[in-house]
C-alpha atoms as a PDB file:
ATOM      1  CA  MET A   1      68.563  25.863  66.403  1.00  0.00           C
ATOM      2  CA  ASP A   2      66.395  25.416  63.317  1.00  0.00           C
ATOM      3  CA  HIS A   3      68.879  25.644  60.455  1.00  0.00           C
ATOM      4  CA  SER A   4      66.190  25.040  57.821  1.00  0.00           C
ATOM      5  CA  LYS A   5      65.235  28.727  57.894  1.00  0.00           C
ATOM      6  CA  HIS A   6      68.806  29.999  57.550  1.00  0.00           C
ATOM      7  CA  THR A   7      70.130  31.365  54.281  1.00  0.00           C
ATOM      8  CA  ARG A   8      72.806  29.152  52.687  1.00  0.00           C
ATOM      9  CA  LEU A   9      75.980  30.913  51.574  1.00  0.00           C
ATOM     10  CA  THR A  10      76.761  30.976  47.879  1.00  0.00           C
ATOM     11  CA  PRO A  11      80.142  29.700  46.613  1.00  0.00           C
ATOM     12  CA  ILE A  12      81.316  33.285  46.084  1.00  0.00           C
ATOM     13  CA  GLU A  13      80.710  33.996  49.801  1.00  0.00           C
ATOM     14  CA  LEU A  14      83.032  31.185  50.950  1.00  0.00           C
ATOM     15  CA  THR A  15      85.946  33.489  51.749  1.00  0.00           C
ATOM     16  CA  ALA A  16      88.194  33.875  54.772  1.00  0.00           C
ATOM     17  CA  ASP A  17      86.697  37.291  55.556  1.00  0.00           C
ATOM     18  CA  ILE A  18      83.224  35.779  55.879  1.00  0.00           C
ATOM     19  CA  LEU A  19      84.051  32.354  57.346  1.00  0.00           C
ATOM     20  CA  ASP A  20      86.738  33.145  59.955  1.00  0.00           C
ATOM     21  CA  GLY A  21      85.364  32.577  63.445  1.00  0.00           C
ATOM     22  CA  ALA A  22      82.169  30.870  62.268  1.00  0.00           C
ATOM     23  CA  THR A  23      80.763  28.330  64.725  1.00  0.00           C
ATOM     24  CA  ILE A  24      80.532  24.705  63.556  1.00  0.00           C
ATOM     25  CA  TYR A  25      77.578  22.584  64.742  1.00  0.00           C
ATOM     26  CA  GLY A  26      77.541  18.783  64.762  1.00  0.00           C
ATOM     27  CA  PRO A  27      74.769  16.316  63.928  1.00  0.00           C
ATOM     28  CA  GLY A  28      73.093  16.802  67.315  1.00  0.00           C
ATOM     29  CA  ASP A  29      73.170  20.598  66.848  1.00  0.00           C
ATOM     30  CA  GLU A  30      75.925  20.856  69.465  1.00  0.00           C
ATOM     31  CA  GLU A  31      78.759  23.354  69.050  1.00  0.00           C
ATOM     32  CA  ILE A  32      81.826  21.318  68.034  1.00  0.00           C
ATOM     33  CA  GLY A  33      84.337  23.948  66.930  1.00  0.00           C
ATOM     34  CA  SER A  34      84.961  27.167  65.061  1.00  0.00           C
ATOM     35  CA  VAL A  35      86.678  28.219  61.845  1.00  0.00           C
ATOM     36  CA  SER A  36      90.284  29.162  62.548  1.00  0.00           C
ATOM     37  CA  HIS A  37      91.201  30.040  58.978  1.00  0.00           C
ATOM     38  CA  VAL A  38      90.813  29.036  55.330  1.00  0.00           C
ATOM     39  CA  HIS A  39      93.283  27.655  52.769  1.00  0.00           C
ATOM     40  CA  GLY A  40      92.744  28.185  49.059  1.00  0.00           C
ATOM     41  CA  ILE A  41      89.935  29.639  46.997  1.00  0.00           C
ATOM     42  CA  GLY A  42      87.009  28.232  45.076  1.00  0.00           C
ATOM     43  CA  PRO A  43      85.338  24.846  45.477  1.00  0.00           C
ATOM     44  CA  ASN A  44      88.482  23.097  46.733  1.00  0.00           C
ATOM     45  CA  ILE A  45      89.179  25.269  49.776  1.00  0.00           C
ATOM     46  CA  GLN A  46      90.117  23.672  53.059  1.00  0.00           C
ATOM     47  CA  ILE A  47      88.513  24.915  56.255  1.00  0.00           C
ATOM     48  CA  VAL A  48      90.707  24.734  59.358  1.00  0.00           C
ATOM     49  CA  ILE A  49      88.524  24.106  62.402  1.00  0.00           C
ATOM     50  CA  ASP A  50      89.673  24.551  65.998  1.00  0.00           C
ATOM     51  CA  VAL A  51      88.125  21.710  67.974  1.00  0.00           C
ATOM     52  CA  GLY A  52      88.268  21.131  71.727  1.00  0.00           C
ATOM     53  CA  GLY A  53      90.079  23.355  74.175  1.00  0.00           C
ATOM     54  CA  PHE A  54      88.647  26.098  76.320  1.00  0.00           C
ATOM     55  CA  LEU A  55      88.472  29.748  75.277  1.00  0.00           C
ATOM     56  CA  GLY A  56      90.838  29.000  72.395  1.00  0.00           C
ATOM     57  CA  ILE A  57      93.483  27.398  74.610  1.00  0.00           C
ATOM     58  CA  GLY A  58      94.363  23.794  73.860  1.00  0.00           C
ATOM     59  CA  ALA A  59      92.225  23.599  70.716  1.00  0.00           C
ATOM     60  CA  LYS A  60      93.352  21.196  67.994  1.00  0.00           C
ATOM     61  CA  PRO A  61      93.256  22.540  64.427  1.00  0.00           C
ATOM     62  CA  VAL A  62      92.014  20.095  61.769  1.00  0.00           C
ATOM     63  CA  ALA A  63      91.569  20.757  58.036  1.00  0.00           C
ATOM     64  CA  VAL A  64      88.420  19.594  56.258  1.00  0.00           C
ATOM     65  CA  PRO A  65      87.089  20.129  52.734  1.00  0.00           C
ATOM     66  CA  VAL A  66      84.483  22.867  52.432  1.00  0.00           C
ATOM     67  CA  SER A  67      82.192  20.345  50.721  1.00  0.00           C
ATOM     68  CA  ARG A  68      81.682  18.570  54.079  1.00  0.00           C
ATOM     69  CA  LEU A  69      80.295  21.708  55.724  1.00  0.00           C
ATOM     70  CA  GLU A  70      77.087  23.606  55.005  1.00  0.00           C
ATOM     71  CA  PHE A  71      77.637  27.301  55.685  1.00  0.00           C
ATOM     72  CA  MET A  72      74.691  29.616  56.323  1.00  0.00           C
ATOM     73  CA  ARG A  73      73.559  32.872  57.981  1.00  0.00           C
ATOM     74  CA  ASP A  74      71.052  32.962  60.809  1.00  0.00           C
ATOM     75  CA  GLU A  75      68.339  35.575  61.291  1.00  0.00           C
ATOM     76  CA  GLU A  76      70.861  38.018  62.812  1.00  0.00           C
ATOM     77  CA  GLY A  77      73.318  37.554  59.941  1.00  0.00           C
ATOM     78  CA  ASP A  78      75.803  35.438  61.922  1.00  0.00           C
ATOM     79  CA  VAL A  79      77.620  32.848  59.812  1.00  0.00           C
ATOM     80  CA  HIS A  80      77.826  29.246  61.025  1.00  0.00           C
ATOM     81  CA  ALA A  81      78.023  25.760  59.537  1.00  0.00           C
ATOM     82  CA  VAL A  82      76.591  22.322  60.145  1.00  0.00           C
ATOM     83  CA  THR A  83      78.292  18.992  59.515  1.00  0.00           C
ATOM     84  CA  ASN A  84      77.681  15.282  60.045  1.00  0.00           C
ATOM     85  CA  TRP A  85      80.990  14.942  61.900  1.00  0.00           C
ATOM     86  CA  THR A  86      80.949  14.721  65.679  1.00  0.00           C
ATOM     87  CA  LYS A  87      83.411  16.527  67.934  1.00  0.00           C
ATOM     88  CA  ASP A  88      85.143  13.196  68.656  1.00  0.00           C
ATOM     89  CA  GLN A  89      85.508  12.444  64.941  1.00  0.00           C
ATOM     90  CA  LEU A  90      87.140  15.834  64.386  1.00  0.00           C
ATOM     91  CA  LYS A  91      89.443  15.305  67.375  1.00  0.00           C
ATOM     92  CA  ASP A  92      90.538  11.971  65.859  1.00  0.00           C
ATOM     93  CA  MET A  93      91.638  13.649  62.612  1.00  0.00           C
ATOM     94  CA  PRO A  94      95.296  14.528  62.041  1.00  0.00           C
ATOM     95  CA  GLU A  95      96.330  17.867  63.461  1.00  0.00           C
ATOM     96  CA  HIS A  96      96.675  20.564  60.838  1.00  0.00           C
ATOM     97  CA  ILE A  97     100.014  22.367  60.812  1.00  0.00           C
ATOM     98  CA  ASP A  98     100.427  25.407  58.582  1.00  0.00           C
ATOM     99  CA  PRO A  99     103.404  25.166  56.240  1.00  0.00           C
END
């Protein structure tokens, strides 16, 4: 997928309503996870990504800072993000547990 032609989201668009369910792509443009939910508001929000598993079963949630993801919309308006992390790097992160 050529992400260079996709419209980047503005900081005001980085909300749970817009980001929930967004696909996350790794450095090789492979699908590595999806947004489970969001914690906080503004530039310091944490994005909880479900990584691994199959059809949502067995996925491991990990929390990452929004600054490490580049969120955008494709030509059809679908929101997704790219990151330099690989699926294995995300799997190696501590599991996120909601308080």
